[in-house]
Protein backbone atom coordinates (compact mmCIF):
# COMPACT_ATOMS: atom_id res chain seq x y z
CA UNK A 1 94.67 90.82 97.75
CA UNK A 2 97.28 93.08 99.30
CA UNK A 3 101.03 92.64 99.51
CA UNK A 4 103.64 94.28 101.81
CA UNK A 5 106.19 96.43 100.07
CA UNK A 6 108.91 98.90 101.17
CA UNK A 7 107.27 102.20 101.79
CA UNK A 8 110.33 104.21 102.81
CA UNK A 9 113.86 103.81 104.13
CA UNK A 10 116.41 105.76 106.16
CA UNK A 11 119.64 104.31 104.82
CA UNK A 12 122.78 103.97 106.95
CA UNK A 13 122.44 106.12 109.98
CA UNK A 14 124.59 105.86 113.16
CA UNK A 15 123.16 104.76 116.52
CA UNK A 16 123.69 107.68 118.92
CA UNK A 17 122.03 106.11 122.10
CA UNK A 18 120.79 102.80 123.42
CA UNK A 19 118.49 103.05 126.43
CA UNK A 20 117.71 99.66 127.99
CA UNK A 21 115.46 101.01 130.69
CA UNK A 22 112.64 102.35 128.40
CA UNK A 23 109.32 100.93 127.28
CA UNK A 24 110.61 100.17 123.77
CA UNK A 25 110.77 101.63 120.31
CA UNK A 26 113.36 103.60 118.27
CA UNK A 27 113.66 107.40 118.74
CA UNK A 28 114.41 109.14 115.44
CA UNK A 29 115.25 112.75 114.72
CA UNK A 30 111.93 114.26 113.47
CA UNK A 31 113.60 115.75 110.45
CA UNK A 32 114.62 112.27 109.30
CA UNK A 33 111.13 110.82 110.00
CA UNK A 34 109.54 113.60 107.97
CA UNK A 35 112.02 113.24 105.11
CA UNK A 36 111.39 109.53 104.91
CA UNK A 37 107.60 110.03 104.96
CA UNK A 38 107.33 107.98 108.13
CA UNK A 39 105.12 108.78 111.07
CA UNK A 40 105.30 108.49 114.82
CA UNK A 41 104.05 105.10 116.02
CA UNK A 42 104.70 103.44 112.70
CA UNK A 43 106.08 99.89 112.75
CA UNK A 44 109.67 99.76 111.30
CA UNK A 45 112.35 97.15 110.76
CA UNK A 46 115.80 98.06 112.00
CA UNK A 47 118.66 96.31 110.23
CA UNK A 48 121.95 96.48 112.02
CA UNK A 49 124.86 96.40 109.53
CA UNK A 50 127.44 95.66 112.28
CA UNK A 51 125.92 92.49 113.65
CA UNK A 52 123.22 91.43 111.15
CA UNK A 53 120.41 91.79 113.68
CA UNK A 54 116.85 92.67 112.37
CA UNK A 55 114.51 94.18 114.94
CA UNK A 56 110.92 95.30 114.54
CA UNK A 57 109.72 98.19 116.73
CA UNK A 58 107.87 101.46 116.37
CA UNK A 59 108.93 105.18 115.89
CA UNK A 60 109.09 107.83 118.59
CA UNK A 61 109.88 111.26 117.38
CA UNK A 62 113.18 112.70 118.60
CA UNK A 63 114.30 116.29 118.81
CA UNK A 64 114.24 117.93 115.41
CA UNK A 65 117.81 118.50 114.07
CA UNK A 66 119.42 116.42 116.78
CA UNK A 67 120.60 113.51 114.67
CA UNK A 68 119.20 111.18 117.30
CA UNK A 69 118.91 107.44 116.52
CA UNK A 70 118.25 105.79 119.88
CA UNK A 71 117.24 102.11 120.29
CA UNK A 72 115.10 101.80 123.40
CA UNK A 73 114.11 98.86 125.61
CA UNK A 74 115.01 95.33 124.52
CA UNK A 75 116.27 96.69 121.13
CA UNK A 76 119.11 98.34 123.14
CA UNK A 77 120.54 94.85 123.70
CA UNK A 78 120.67 94.26 119.94
CA UNK A 79 122.69 97.28 119.01
CA UNK A 80 125.48 99.46 120.32
CA UNK A 81 126.23 103.18 120.05
CA UNK A 82 128.18 103.76 116.86
CA UNK A 83 126.61 100.87 114.91
CA UNK A 84 125.22 101.62 111.55
CA UNK A 85 121.62 100.81 110.92
CA UNK A 86 119.00 100.93 108.23
CA UNK A 87 115.39 101.80 109.11
CA UNK A 88 112.74 100.39 106.80
CA UNK A 89 109.00 101.03 106.92
CA UNK A 90 106.61 98.88 104.85
CA UNK A 91 103.02 99.37 103.53
CA UNK A 92 100.31 97.18 102.46
CA UNK A 93 98.77 97.77 99.00
CA UNK A 94 97.33 95.97 96.08
CA UNK A 95 99.55 94.36 93.54
CA UNK A 96 98.58 96.97 91.00
CA UNK A 97 99.35 99.78 93.40
CA UNK A 98 102.65 98.22 94.25
CA UNK A 99 103.73 98.00 90.61
CA UNK A 100 103.36 101.76 90.34
CA UNK A 101 104.47 102.76 93.84
CA UNK A 102 107.94 104.44 94.38
CA UNK A 103 109.35 104.22 97.92
CA UNK A 104 110.95 107.27 99.63
CA UNK A 105 114.62 106.52 100.21
CA UNK A 106 116.77 108.96 102.11
CA UNK A 107 120.52 108.75 102.57
CA UNK A 108 121.54 110.99 105.48
CA UNK A 109 125.18 111.84 106.37
CA UNK A 110 126.13 108.86 108.45
CA UNK A 111 128.48 110.92 110.56
CA UNK A 112 125.89 113.45 111.61
CA UNK A 113 122.68 111.68 110.82
CA UNK A 114 121.64 114.88 109.05
CA UNK A 115 120.25 115.42 105.63
CA UNK A 116 122.98 117.93 104.85
CA UNK A 117 126.06 116.61 103.13
């Protein structure tokens, strides 16, 4: 049996763009993706702290060092520029693996979406 557990989290970043006329996804600064041990194309859940929305989509890499957090396509209707969101990735593993697993949690500067304080 496998269960789904939190693999990694980008905690409290600010939405910098919302692009309705796009195929879909969330564009995230590649530095944040790497730091959170996430990968392009990975399914993630976006939790919007401003309105309580929870959205599932997938990651597209944004320009490294740009601080980009852009909700694309239909997700752009569920968020606004300036909203604070949490990006959560999950992984499937056995119960015994899950008991030992430690997720990667990053806490970027929410004003710049950078890893620097």
